[in-house]
């Protein structure tokens, strides 16, 4: 199960939150990005099932310094190699 989490963090606690996320999620973390904008972190989480994803995200949400957490569960993916540039009619 692939889930993206958009995480708002207290800037003074950003490094601690990132370390704790890595400890909590461990091998479930596919990628963790620090970003600018409404959210501070984007987490790509790959879990074995919905229950495991929910447990991990609940722990992350409870971390000191996490102000907000929004999620999106991937239901379909189109890889770049699946899309041919000529078929996009961008030119």
N, C-alpha and C. Protein backbone atom coordinates (compact mmCIF):
# COMPACT_ATOMS: atom_id res chain seq x y z
N UNK A 1 0.85 -1.17 0.00
CA UNK A 1 0.00 0.00 0.00
C UNK A 1 0.89 1.23 0.00
N UNK A 2 0.68 2.09 -0.98
CA UNK A 2 1.49 3.30 -1.10
C UNK A 2 0.69 4.50 -0.63
N UNK A 3 1.26 5.26 0.30
CA UNK A 3 0.60 6.42 0.88
C UNK A 3 1.55 7.59 0.90
N UNK A 4 1.05 8.76 0.57
CA UNK A 4 1.82 10.00 0.72
C UNK A 4 1.27 10.74 1.92
N UNK A 5 2.17 11.25 2.75
CA UNK A 5 1.77 12.05 3.91
C UNK A 5 2.40 13.42 3.78
N UNK A 6 1.56 14.45 3.91
CA UNK A 6 2.01 15.83 3.90
C UNK A 6 2.01 16.29 5.35
N UNK A 7 3.19 16.69 5.84
CA UNK A 7 3.35 16.91 7.27
C UNK A 7 3.79 18.35 7.54
N UNK A 8 3.02 19.03 8.39
CA UNK A 8 3.39 20.37 8.85
C UNK A 8 4.13 20.23 10.16
N UNK A 9 5.27 20.92 10.29
CA UNK A 9 6.15 20.73 11.44
C UNK A 9 6.58 22.08 12.03
N UNK A 10 6.70 22.13 13.34
CA UNK A 10 7.31 23.28 14.00
C UNK A 10 8.76 23.34 13.55
N UNK A 11 9.16 24.47 12.95
CA UNK A 11 10.49 24.58 12.35
C UNK A 11 11.63 24.31 13.33
N UNK A 12 11.46 24.64 14.58
CA UNK A 12 12.50 24.41 15.58
C UNK A 12 12.67 22.92 15.89
N UNK A 13 11.69 22.12 15.51
CA UNK A 13 11.73 20.69 15.81
C UNK A 13 11.85 19.82 14.55
N UNK A 14 12.12 20.46 13.41
CA UNK A 14 12.14 19.75 12.14
C UNK A 14 13.12 18.59 12.12
N UNK A 15 14.35 18.82 12.56
CA UNK A 15 15.36 17.74 12.54
C UNK A 15 14.95 16.58 13.44
N UNK A 16 14.41 16.89 14.62
CA UNK A 16 13.96 15.83 15.53
C UNK A 16 12.83 15.03 14.92
N UNK A 17 11.89 15.73 14.30
CA UNK A 17 10.75 15.04 13.68
C UNK A 17 11.24 14.11 12.58
N UNK A 18 12.15 14.59 11.74
CA UNK A 18 12.67 13.75 10.66
C UNK A 18 13.36 12.50 11.21
N UNK A 19 14.16 12.66 12.25
CA UNK A 19 14.83 11.50 12.86
C UNK A 19 13.82 10.52 13.44
N UNK A 20 12.80 11.06 14.12
CA UNK A 20 11.80 10.19 14.73
C UNK A 20 10.96 9.47 13.69
N UNK A 21 10.67 10.14 12.58
CA UNK A 21 9.92 9.48 11.50
C UNK A 21 10.73 8.31 10.96
N UNK A 22 12.01 8.51 10.77
CA UNK A 22 12.86 7.43 10.26
C UNK A 22 12.89 6.26 11.24
N UNK A 23 12.88 6.55 12.53
CA UNK A 23 12.87 5.50 13.55
C UNK A 23 11.53 4.76 13.56
N UNK A 24 10.44 5.52 13.51
CA UNK A 24 9.10 4.93 13.57
C UNK A 24 8.79 4.12 12.32
N UNK A 25 9.02 4.71 11.16
CA UNK A 25 8.60 4.09 9.91
C UNK A 25 9.61 3.09 9.37
N UNK A 26 10.89 3.30 9.67
CA UNK A 26 11.92 2.35 9.26
C UNK A 26 11.88 2.01 7.79
N UNK A 27 11.72 0.72 7.50
CA UNK A 27 11.75 0.24 6.12
C UNK A 27 10.50 0.62 5.32
N UNK A 28 9.47 1.11 5.99
CA UNK A 28 8.27 1.54 5.28
C UNK A 28 8.51 2.82 4.50
N UNK A 29 9.51 3.61 4.92
CA UNK A 29 9.78 4.86 4.23
C UNK A 29 10.36 4.57 2.86
N UNK A 30 9.66 5.05 1.85
CA UNK A 30 10.18 4.95 0.50
C UNK A 30 11.02 6.18 0.22
N UNK A 31 10.51 7.37 0.61
CA UNK A 31 11.25 8.62 0.49
C UNK A 31 10.71 9.61 1.51
N UNK A 32 11.59 10.50 1.94
CA UNK A 32 11.19 11.59 2.84
C UNK A 32 11.80 12.87 2.30
N UNK A 33 10.96 13.83 1.93
CA UNK A 33 11.41 15.08 1.35
C UNK A 33 11.15 16.23 2.30
N UNK A 34 12.10 17.15 2.40
CA UNK A 34 11.87 18.43 3.07
C UNK A 34 11.48 19.40 1.97
N UNK A 35 10.35 20.10 2.16
CA UNK A 35 9.82 20.96 1.11
C UNK A 35 9.46 22.34 1.68
N UNK A 36 9.29 23.30 0.79
CA UNK A 36 8.80 24.63 1.16
C UNK A 36 7.33 24.71 0.78
N UNK A 37 6.57 25.46 1.54
CA UNK A 37 5.16 25.64 1.22
C UNK A 37 4.31 25.41 2.45
N UNK A 38 3.08 25.03 2.22
CA UNK A 38 2.13 24.82 3.32
C UNK A 38 2.60 23.70 4.25
N UNK A 39 3.25 22.70 3.68
CA UNK A 39 3.76 21.58 4.46
C UNK A 39 5.29 21.63 4.48
N UNK A 40 5.89 20.94 5.42
CA UNK A 40 7.35 20.96 5.58
C UNK A 40 8.00 19.66 5.14
N UNK A 41 7.26 18.56 5.24
CA UNK A 41 7.77 17.25 4.86
C UNK A 41 6.75 16.54 3.98
N UNK A 42 7.25 15.80 3.02
CA UNK A 42 6.42 14.89 2.23
C UNK A 42 7.02 13.50 2.41
N UNK A 43 6.21 12.60 2.89
CA UNK A 43 6.64 11.23 3.17
C UNK A 43 5.96 10.28 2.19
N UNK A 44 6.76 9.48 1.53
CA UNK A 44 6.24 8.41 0.67
C UNK A 44 6.40 7.13 1.46
N UNK A 45 5.28 6.55 1.84
CA UNK A 45 5.26 5.41 2.76
C UNK A 45 4.73 4.18 2.04
N UNK A 46 5.48 3.10 2.09
CA UNK A 46 5.07 1.84 1.46
C UNK A 46 4.85 0.81 2.56
N UNK A 47 3.59 0.49 2.82
CA UNK A 47 3.23 -0.43 3.90
C UNK A 47 2.67 -1.73 3.34
N UNK A 48 2.70 -2.77 4.16
CA UNK A 48 2.20 -4.07 3.71
C UNK A 48 0.68 -4.08 3.61
N UNK A 49 0.01 -3.25 4.41
CA UNK A 49 -1.45 -3.19 4.36
C UNK A 49 -1.94 -1.89 5.01
N UNK A 50 -3.24 -1.66 4.95
CA UNK A 50 -3.83 -0.43 5.48
C UNK A 50 -3.66 -0.31 6.99
N UNK A 51 -3.76 -1.42 7.69
CA UNK A 51 -3.64 -1.39 9.15
C UNK A 51 -2.24 -0.92 9.55
N UNK A 52 -1.22 -1.44 8.92
CA UNK A 52 0.16 -1.06 9.23
C UNK A 52 0.40 0.41 8.90
N UNK A 53 -0.12 0.87 7.76
CA UNK A 53 0.02 2.28 7.38
C UNK A 53 -0.65 3.17 8.42
N UNK A 54 -1.86 2.83 8.84
CA UNK A 54 -2.59 3.60 9.84
C UNK A 54 -1.82 3.66 11.16
N UNK A 55 -1.27 2.54 11.59
CA UNK A 55 -0.50 2.51 12.84
C UNK A 55 0.71 3.44 12.75
N UNK A 56 1.43 3.36 11.65
CA UNK A 56 2.63 4.19 11.47
C UNK A 56 2.26 5.66 11.42
N UNK A 57 1.23 6.01 10.66
CA UNK A 57 0.82 7.41 10.54
C UNK A 57 0.28 7.97 11.86
N UNK A 58 -0.37 7.14 12.65
CA UNK A 58 -0.85 7.57 13.97
C UNK A 58 0.32 7.91 14.88
N UNK A 59 1.37 7.11 14.83
CA UNK A 59 2.57 7.39 15.63
C UNK A 59 3.25 8.68 15.18
N UNK A 60 3.32 8.88 13.87
CA UNK A 60 3.93 10.10 13.33
C UNK A 60 3.12 11.33 13.74
N UNK A 61 1.81 11.23 13.64
CA UNK A 61 0.92 12.35 13.99
C UNK A 61 1.10 12.75 15.45
N UNK A 62 1.44 11.81 16.31
CA UNK A 62 1.58 12.07 17.74
C UNK A 62 2.95 12.64 18.12
N UNK A 63 3.88 12.71 17.18
CA UNK A 63 5.22 13.20 17.49
C UNK A 63 5.20 14.66 17.94
N UNK A 64 6.03 14.98 18.91
CA UNK A 64 6.21 16.36 19.35
C UNK A 64 6.79 17.16 18.20
N UNK A 65 6.11 18.23 17.83
CA UNK A 65 6.57 19.06 16.73
C UNK A 65 5.74 18.92 15.46
N UNK A 66 4.94 17.85 15.37
CA UNK A 66 4.07 17.67 14.20
C UNK A 66 2.80 18.47 14.44
N UNK A 67 2.55 19.45 13.56
CA UNK A 67 1.37 20.30 13.68
C UNK A 67 0.19 19.79 12.87
N UNK A 68 0.48 19.17 11.73
CA UNK A 68 -0.60 18.66 10.87
C UNK A 68 -0.08 17.50 10.03
N UNK A 69 -1.01 16.65 9.63
CA UNK A 69 -0.67 15.52 8.78
C UNK A 69 -1.87 15.21 7.90
N UNK A 70 -1.67 15.27 6.60
CA UNK A 70 -2.71 14.92 5.64
C UNK A 70 -2.17 13.77 4.79
N UNK A 71 -3.07 12.88 4.41
CA UNK A 71 -2.61 11.71 3.66
C UNK A 71 -3.37 11.54 2.36
N UNK A 72 -2.72 10.85 1.45
CA UNK A 72 -3.34 10.43 0.20
C UNK A 72 -2.88 9.02 -0.10
N UNK A 73 -3.84 8.14 -0.33
CA UNK A 73 -3.52 6.75 -0.64
C UNK A 73 -3.53 6.59 -2.15
N UNK A 74 -2.48 6.02 -2.70
CA UNK A 74 -2.36 5.83 -4.14
C UNK A 74 -3.27 4.69 -4.57
N UNK A 75 -4.14 4.98 -5.54
CA UNK A 75 -5.03 3.94 -6.07
C UNK A 75 -4.64 3.51 -7.47
N UNK A 76 -3.88 4.36 -8.17
CA UNK A 76 -3.43 4.03 -9.52
C UNK A 76 -2.17 4.84 -9.81
N UNK A 77 -1.25 4.24 -10.54
CA UNK A 77 -0.01 4.93 -10.89
C UNK A 77 0.29 4.73 -12.36
N UNK A 78 0.68 5.80 -13.01
CA UNK A 78 1.15 5.73 -14.38
C UNK A 78 2.61 6.14 -14.36
N UNK A 79 3.47 5.23 -14.69
CA UNK A 79 4.90 5.50 -14.69
C UNK A 79 5.28 6.32 -15.91
N UNK A 80 6.35 7.07 -15.79
CA UNK A 80 6.80 7.90 -16.91
C UNK A 80 7.01 7.10 -18.18
N UNK A 81 7.53 5.90 -18.05
CA UNK A 81 7.77 5.11 -19.25
C UNK A 81 6.48 4.62 -19.88
N UNK A 82 5.34 4.73 -19.16
CA UNK A 82 4.05 4.34 -19.71
C UNK A 82 3.47 5.41 -20.63
N UNK A 83 3.95 6.64 -20.50
CA UNK A 83 3.39 7.76 -21.27
C UNK A 83 4.36 8.14 -22.37
N UNK A 84 3.91 8.11 -23.58
CA UNK A 84 4.74 8.49 -24.72
C UNK A 84 4.57 10.00 -24.97
N UNK A 85 5.66 10.76 -25.05
CA UNK A 85 5.55 12.21 -25.24
C UNK A 85 4.72 12.60 -26.46
N UNK A 86 4.78 11.84 -27.56
CA UNK A 86 4.03 12.18 -28.76
C UNK A 86 2.53 12.10 -28.52
N UNK A 87 2.12 11.25 -27.58
CA UNK A 87 0.69 11.07 -27.35
C UNK A 87 0.10 12.18 -26.48
N UNK A 88 0.94 13.04 -25.92
CA UNK A 88 0.45 14.10 -25.06
C UNK A 88 -0.03 15.33 -25.84
N UNK A 89 0.34 15.45 -27.10
CA UNK A 89 -0.06 16.58 -27.96
C UNK A 89 0.31 17.92 -27.33
N UNK A 90 1.51 18.00 -26.79
CA UNK A 90 1.95 19.25 -26.17
C UNK A 90 2.59 20.20 -27.17
N UNK A 91 2.92 19.73 -28.32
CA UNK A 91 3.61 20.58 -29.31
C UNK A 91 2.61 21.18 -30.28
